[in-house]
Structures are given as structure tokens and as C-alpha cells.
Amino acid sequence: MSITLSDEEKTRVKQYVKKSTVGMKYRSELEIIACMLEVSQPGTTRTRIMFHSYISYVQLKSYLALCLEGGLLERKGELYFTTIKGATFLNTWRELCHYLPALVHEATSFAKS
């Protein structure tokens, strides 16, 4: 059985993976949580979250518990949805990712002078 993604879903996942997981190096918990929240916005299953976030089932159980307890995700039946609090976190994460390269550049320039 295969999972079929819409073109929009494929594009979003590819963009996220390109930006934050180049070479699939170690990722922070925040990066993994942001990926899970992104995938869960339209409502999705545990399997889809696991595959799109590139995490194991053991990791999935741990991160789902963390997100549910923190109010970032909510469960309705078999589906998980990003909450308003989760969407706020995700927007803040995106802003941080946008400004982080500039901050890193400034810190590097300052250290060299």
C-alpha cells in the first residue's frame, strides 16, 4: 500500500527538507517538531507524520506525546491536527529560520573583525 500525495504536499515537503535537513544530518527536536506540525496542518495519520518527518516509530511515539501534552497537536479519531498554538509555533519557527542566516553571518563577521 502506498501513500499518494498531492502536488502541493510534495512541494511543501521537498522545500522543507531542502531548507532544514540538507544531507539528513542530525536535527534538533525543534526541527523535527516543526516538520511534524507542517505535515499535520490539514490533518493526517501517524504513518504520514512518521514518513514525512523522517523519524522512526519509537521517535514518533515520543514526539507525539510531547506535542499532544504541549498543546501543539490534537487528536481526533485516527487523525492529528495542528492546533492554533502549534501554528503559532510553526510561524515563529519559520521566522527564526528566515532570520537565522543573517544572525549567523553577523556573528561570524563580528568575530573576524
Protein backbone atom coordinates (compact mmCIF):
# COMPACT_ATOMS: atom_id res chain seq x y z
CA MET A 1 0.00 0.00 0.00
CA SER A 2 1.45 3.36 -0.96
CA ILE A 3 0.64 6.86 0.20
CA THR A 4 -0.41 9.26 -2.51
CA LEU A 5 0.48 12.93 -2.05
CA SER A 6 -0.95 15.91 -3.82
CA ASP A 7 1.48 18.06 -5.81
CA GLU A 8 1.18 20.79 -3.17
CA GLU A 9 2.11 18.35 -0.38
CA LYS A 10 5.09 17.08 -2.36
CA THR A 11 6.30 20.62 -2.98
CA ARG A 12 5.96 21.62 0.69
CA VAL A 13 7.82 18.56 1.91
CA LYS A 14 10.61 18.98 -0.65
CA GLN A 15 11.06 22.65 0.25
CA TYR A 16 11.16 21.89 3.95
CA VAL A 17 13.61 19.04 3.53
CA LYS A 18 15.86 21.16 1.32
CA LYS A 19 15.92 24.04 3.80
CA SER A 20 16.25 22.30 7.11
CA THR A 21 17.59 18.80 6.58
CA VAL A 22 20.17 19.10 3.84
CA GLY A 23 22.10 15.84 3.85
CA MET A 24 19.90 14.47 6.65
CA LYS A 25 22.37 15.50 9.33
CA TYR A 26 21.35 15.46 12.94
CA ARG A 27 18.27 17.59 13.51
CA SER A 28 17.18 19.32 16.66
CA GLU A 29 13.95 18.41 18.42
CA LEU A 30 12.54 21.73 17.27
CA GLU A 31 13.24 20.92 13.61
CA ILE A 32 11.50 17.56 13.93
CA ILE A 33 8.52 19.08 15.74
CA ALA A 34 8.22 21.82 13.10
CA CYS A 35 8.19 19.18 10.36
CA MET A 36 5.50 17.21 12.21
CA LEU A 37 3.36 20.32 12.62
CA GLU A 38 3.75 21.23 8.94
CA VAL A 39 2.57 17.80 7.83
CA SER A 40 -0.30 17.80 10.34
CA GLN A 41 -1.88 21.12 9.33
CA PRO A 42 -4.53 19.59 7.09
CA GLY A 43 -4.97 16.65 9.48
CA THR A 44 -3.07 13.43 8.95
CA THR A 45 -2.29 9.97 10.28
CA ARG A 46 0.63 8.84 12.43
CA THR A 47 2.12 6.99 9.48
CA ARG A 48 2.20 10.08 7.27
CA ILE A 49 3.72 12.14 10.08
CA MET A 50 6.40 9.50 10.58
CA PHE A 51 7.30 9.22 6.88
CA HIS A 52 7.31 12.95 6.17
CA SER A 53 9.28 13.76 9.31
CA TYR A 54 11.86 11.03 8.62
CA ILE A 55 11.61 9.57 12.12
CA SER A 56 11.25 6.06 13.49
CA TYR A 57 8.12 4.72 15.14
CA VAL A 58 9.75 4.96 18.57
CA GLN A 59 10.64 8.61 17.94
CA LEU A 60 7.13 9.25 16.61
CA LYS A 61 5.52 8.00 19.81
CA SER A 62 7.79 10.20 21.89
CA TYR A 63 7.30 13.35 19.81
CA LEU A 64 3.55 12.84 19.50
CA ALA A 65 3.27 12.58 23.28
CA LEU A 66 5.33 15.76 23.63
CA CYS A 67 3.25 17.68 21.06
CA LEU A 68 -0.08 16.49 22.45
CA GLU A 69 0.92 17.32 26.01
CA GLY A 70 2.19 20.74 24.94
CA GLY A 71 -0.97 21.53 23.01
CA LEU A 72 0.76 21.79 19.63
CA LEU A 73 -1.22 18.88 18.16
CA GLU A 74 -4.67 17.49 18.84
CA ARG A 75 -6.04 14.07 18.02
CA LYS A 76 -9.47 13.46 16.51
CA GLY A 77 -10.00 9.77 15.96
CA GLU A 78 -7.06 8.48 13.95
CA LEU A 79 -6.05 11.92 12.65
CA TYR A 80 -3.72 14.51 14.16
CA PHE A 81 -4.24 18.23 13.60
CA THR A 82 -2.00 21.22 14.26
CA THR A 83 -3.63 23.45 16.90
CA ILE A 84 -3.60 27.25 16.93
CA LYS A 85 -0.74 27.06 19.42
CA GLY A 86 1.08 24.68 17.05
CA ALA A 87 0.51 27.01 14.09
CA THR A 88 1.91 29.91 16.13
CA PHE A 89 4.98 27.83 16.96
CA LEU A 90 5.39 26.90 13.29
CA ASN A 91 5.17 30.54 12.14
CA THR A 92 7.70 31.58 14.78
CA TRP A 93 9.98 28.73 13.68
CA ARG A 94 9.76 29.85 10.05
CA GLU A 95 10.65 33.43 11.01
CA LEU A 96 13.60 32.20 13.03
CA CYS A 97 14.82 30.09 10.10
CA HIS A 98 14.45 33.11 7.83
CA TYR A 99 16.48 35.40 10.09
CA LEU A 100 18.98 32.86 11.39
CA PRO A 101 21.32 33.00 8.38
CA ALA A 102 21.59 36.78 8.79
CA LEU A 103 22.32 36.41 12.51
CA VAL A 104 24.96 33.76 11.86
CA HIS A 105 26.59 35.96 9.20
CA GLU A 106 26.67 38.96 11.57
CA ALA A 107 28.17 36.89 14.38
CA THR A 108 30.83 35.49 12.03
CA SER A 109 31.67 38.95 10.66
CA PHE A 110 31.91 40.40 14.16
CA ALA A 111 34.24 37.60 15.31
CA LYS A 112 36.59 38.16 12.35
CA SER A 113 36.98 41.90 12.94
